[in-house]
Amino acid sequence: MKKLILMLMLCAPVAAFAQKFGHVNAQEVMASMPEFLKAKGEIEPRPRSLKTNSKLCKKN
């Protein structure tokens, strides 16, 4: 009987803790943030300009 009570006492906190997990769709959250969209718009043209700069450097 003591083993059963001890087992229940050990498993109860684990079961309560396991219910606190969830899933977040990070892409959806970031897409809905205007700051993310603004930063993405500022970053996207940069690789193109770096490629053109590197081509100019290679020619010289």
N, C-alpha and C. Protein backbone atom coordinates (compact mmCIF):
# COMPACT_ATOMS: atom_id res chain seq x y z
N MET A 1 0.81 -1.19 0.00
CA MET A 1 0.00 0.00 0.00
C MET A 1 0.87 1.27 0.00
N LYS A 2 1.94 1.23 0.77
CA LYS A 2 2.83 2.38 0.83
C LYS A 2 3.48 2.63 -0.53
N LYS A 3 3.81 1.55 -1.22
CA LYS A 3 4.42 1.69 -2.53
C LYS A 3 3.46 2.33 -3.53
N LEU A 4 2.19 1.99 -3.42
CA LEU A 4 1.18 2.56 -4.31
C LEU A 4 1.03 4.06 -4.06
N ILE A 5 0.96 4.44 -2.82
CA ILE A 5 0.84 5.86 -2.47
C ILE A 5 2.09 6.63 -2.90
N LEU A 6 3.24 6.03 -2.66
CA LEU A 6 4.49 6.66 -3.07
C LEU A 6 4.54 6.82 -4.59
N MET A 7 4.10 5.80 -5.32
CA MET A 7 4.08 5.86 -6.77
C MET A 7 3.15 6.97 -7.27
N LEU A 8 1.98 7.10 -6.66
CA LEU A 8 1.04 8.15 -7.04
C LEU A 8 1.60 9.54 -6.75
N MET A 9 2.29 9.66 -5.64
CA MET A 9 2.87 10.95 -5.28
C MET A 9 3.98 11.35 -6.25
N LEU A 10 4.70 10.37 -6.78
CA LEU A 10 5.77 10.66 -7.71
C LEU A 10 5.25 10.95 -9.12
N CYS A 11 4.18 10.29 -9.52
CA CYS A 11 3.65 10.44 -10.88
C CYS A 11 2.73 11.64 -11.03
N ALA A 12 2.07 12.07 -9.99
CA ALA A 12 1.12 13.18 -10.08
C ALA A 12 1.79 14.48 -10.54
N PRO A 13 2.94 14.87 -9.97
CA PRO A 13 3.57 16.12 -10.44
C PRO A 13 4.04 16.02 -11.90
N VAL A 14 4.48 14.85 -12.31
CA VAL A 14 4.93 14.68 -13.69
C VAL A 14 3.76 14.85 -14.64
N ALA A 15 2.61 14.32 -14.31
CA ALA A 15 1.43 14.44 -15.16
C ALA A 15 0.97 15.90 -15.24
N ALA A 16 1.05 16.61 -14.15
CA ALA A 16 0.63 18.02 -14.14
C ALA A 16 1.60 18.87 -14.96
N PHE A 17 2.87 18.55 -14.90
CA PHE A 17 3.88 19.30 -15.65
C PHE A 17 3.78 19.03 -17.14
N ALA A 18 3.44 17.83 -17.51
CA ALA A 18 3.37 17.44 -18.92
C ALA A 18 2.28 18.19 -19.67
N GLN A 19 1.31 18.70 -18.99
CA GLN A 19 0.21 19.39 -19.64
C GLN A 19 0.56 20.84 -19.98
N LYS A 20 1.74 21.30 -19.64
CA LYS A 20 2.11 22.70 -19.86
C LYS A 20 2.86 22.90 -21.17
N PHE A 21 3.01 21.86 -21.97
CA PHE A 21 3.71 21.98 -23.23
C PHE A 21 2.75 22.39 -24.33
N GLY A 22 3.25 23.10 -25.31
CA GLY A 22 2.42 23.53 -26.42
C GLY A 22 3.26 23.67 -27.68
N HIS A 23 2.63 24.10 -28.74
CA HIS A 23 3.31 24.28 -30.02
C HIS A 23 3.02 25.68 -30.54
N VAL A 24 4.06 26.33 -31.03
CA VAL A 24 3.92 27.67 -31.58
C VAL A 24 4.40 27.65 -33.03
N ASN A 25 3.59 28.16 -33.92
CA ASN A 25 3.99 28.27 -35.32
C ASN A 25 4.76 29.57 -35.47
N ALA A 26 6.08 29.48 -35.42
CA ALA A 26 6.92 30.67 -35.42
C ALA A 26 6.81 31.46 -36.72
N GLN A 27 6.66 30.76 -37.84
CA GLN A 27 6.55 31.47 -39.12
C GLN A 27 5.29 32.32 -39.16
N GLU A 28 4.21 31.79 -38.65
CA GLU A 28 2.95 32.54 -38.65
C GLU A 28 3.04 33.75 -37.72
N VAL A 29 3.67 33.57 -36.58
CA VAL A 29 3.81 34.67 -35.62
C VAL A 29 4.67 35.77 -36.21
N MET A 30 5.80 35.41 -36.81
CA MET A 30 6.69 36.42 -37.37
C MET A 30 6.07 37.12 -38.59
N ALA A 31 5.32 36.38 -39.38
CA ALA A 31 4.69 36.98 -40.55
C ALA A 31 3.64 38.02 -40.16
N SER A 32 3.06 37.87 -38.99
CA SER A 32 2.04 38.82 -38.55
C SER A 32 2.64 40.05 -37.86
N MET A 33 3.94 40.06 -37.64
CA MET A 33 4.60 41.19 -36.99
C MET A 33 5.07 42.20 -38.03
N PRO A 34 4.61 43.45 -37.96
CA PRO A 34 5.05 44.44 -38.94
C PRO A 34 6.55 44.73 -38.87
N GLU A 35 7.16 44.61 -37.69
CA GLU A 35 8.59 44.84 -37.55
C GLU A 35 9.39 43.82 -38.34
N PHE A 36 8.92 42.57 -38.31
CA PHE A 36 9.60 41.50 -39.04
C PHE A 36 9.53 41.75 -40.54
N LEU A 37 8.37 42.15 -41.01
CA LEU A 37 8.21 42.41 -42.45
C LEU A 37 9.08 43.58 -42.89
N LYS A 38 9.18 44.61 -42.05
CA LYS A 38 10.02 45.77 -42.37
C LYS A 38 11.49 45.36 -42.42
N ALA A 39 11.94 44.59 -41.43
CA ALA A 39 13.33 44.15 -41.39
C ALA A 39 13.65 43.23 -42.57
N LYS A 40 12.72 42.37 -42.91
CA LYS A 40 12.92 41.46 -44.04
C LYS A 40 13.06 42.25 -45.34
N GLY A 41 12.25 43.29 -45.50
CA GLY A 41 12.34 44.14 -46.67
C GLY A 41 13.66 44.89 -46.77
N GLU A 42 14.24 45.23 -45.62
CA GLU A 42 15.52 45.93 -45.62
C GLU A 42 16.68 44.98 -45.88
N ILE A 43 16.55 43.73 -45.48
CA ILE A 43 17.65 42.77 -45.60
C ILE A 43 17.71 42.13 -46.98
N GLU A 44 16.58 41.89 -47.62
CA GLU A 44 16.56 41.16 -48.89
C GLU A 44 17.39 41.82 -49.99
N PRO A 45 17.37 43.12 -50.19
CA PRO A 45 18.18 43.71 -51.28
C PRO A 45 19.69 43.66 -51.01
N ARG A 46 20.09 43.50 -49.79
CA ARG A 46 21.51 43.55 -49.43
C ARG A 46 22.36 42.48 -50.13
N PRO A 47 21.97 41.23 -50.20
CA PRO A 47 22.81 40.24 -50.89
C PRO A 47 23.03 40.58 -52.37
N ARG A 48 22.02 41.15 -53.01
CA ARG A 48 22.17 41.53 -54.42
C ARG A 48 23.24 42.61 -54.57
N SER A 49 23.22 43.59 -53.69
CA SER A 49 24.22 44.66 -53.78
C SER A 49 25.62 44.12 -53.45
N LEU A 50 25.71 43.17 -52.55
CA LEU A 50 27.01 42.58 -52.23
C LEU A 50 27.55 41.78 -53.41
N LYS A 51 26.66 41.10 -54.13
CA LYS A 51 27.11 40.34 -55.31
C LYS A 51 27.63 41.27 -56.38
N THR A 52 26.94 42.37 -56.62
CA THR A 52 27.41 43.31 -57.65
C THR A 52 28.73 43.96 -57.23
N ASN A 53 28.87 44.24 -55.95
CA ASN A 53 30.13 44.82 -55.46
C ASN A 53 31.27 43.83 -55.60
N SER A 54 31.02 42.57 -55.32
CA SER A 54 32.08 41.56 -55.43
C SER A 54 32.46 41.35 -56.89
N LYS A 55 31.49 41.43 -57.82
CA LYS A 55 31.81 41.30 -59.25
C LYS A 55 32.67 42.47 -59.72
N LEU A 56 32.38 43.67 -59.21
CA LEU A 56 33.17 44.82 -59.58
C LEU A 56 34.61 44.71 -59.06
N CYS A 57 34.74 44.17 -57.86
CA CYS A 57 36.07 44.01 -57.27
C CYS A 57 36.88 42.97 -58.03
N LYS A 58 36.23 41.92 -58.49
CA LYS A 58 36.94 40.86 -59.22
C LYS A 58 37.43 41.37 -60.57
N LYS A 59 36.68 42.27 -61.20
CA LYS A 59 37.10 42.81 -62.49
C LYS A 59 38.32 43.70 -62.37
N ASN A 60 38.44 44.38 -61.24
CA ASN A 60 39.58 45.29 -61.05
C ASN A 60 40.75 44.50 -60.64
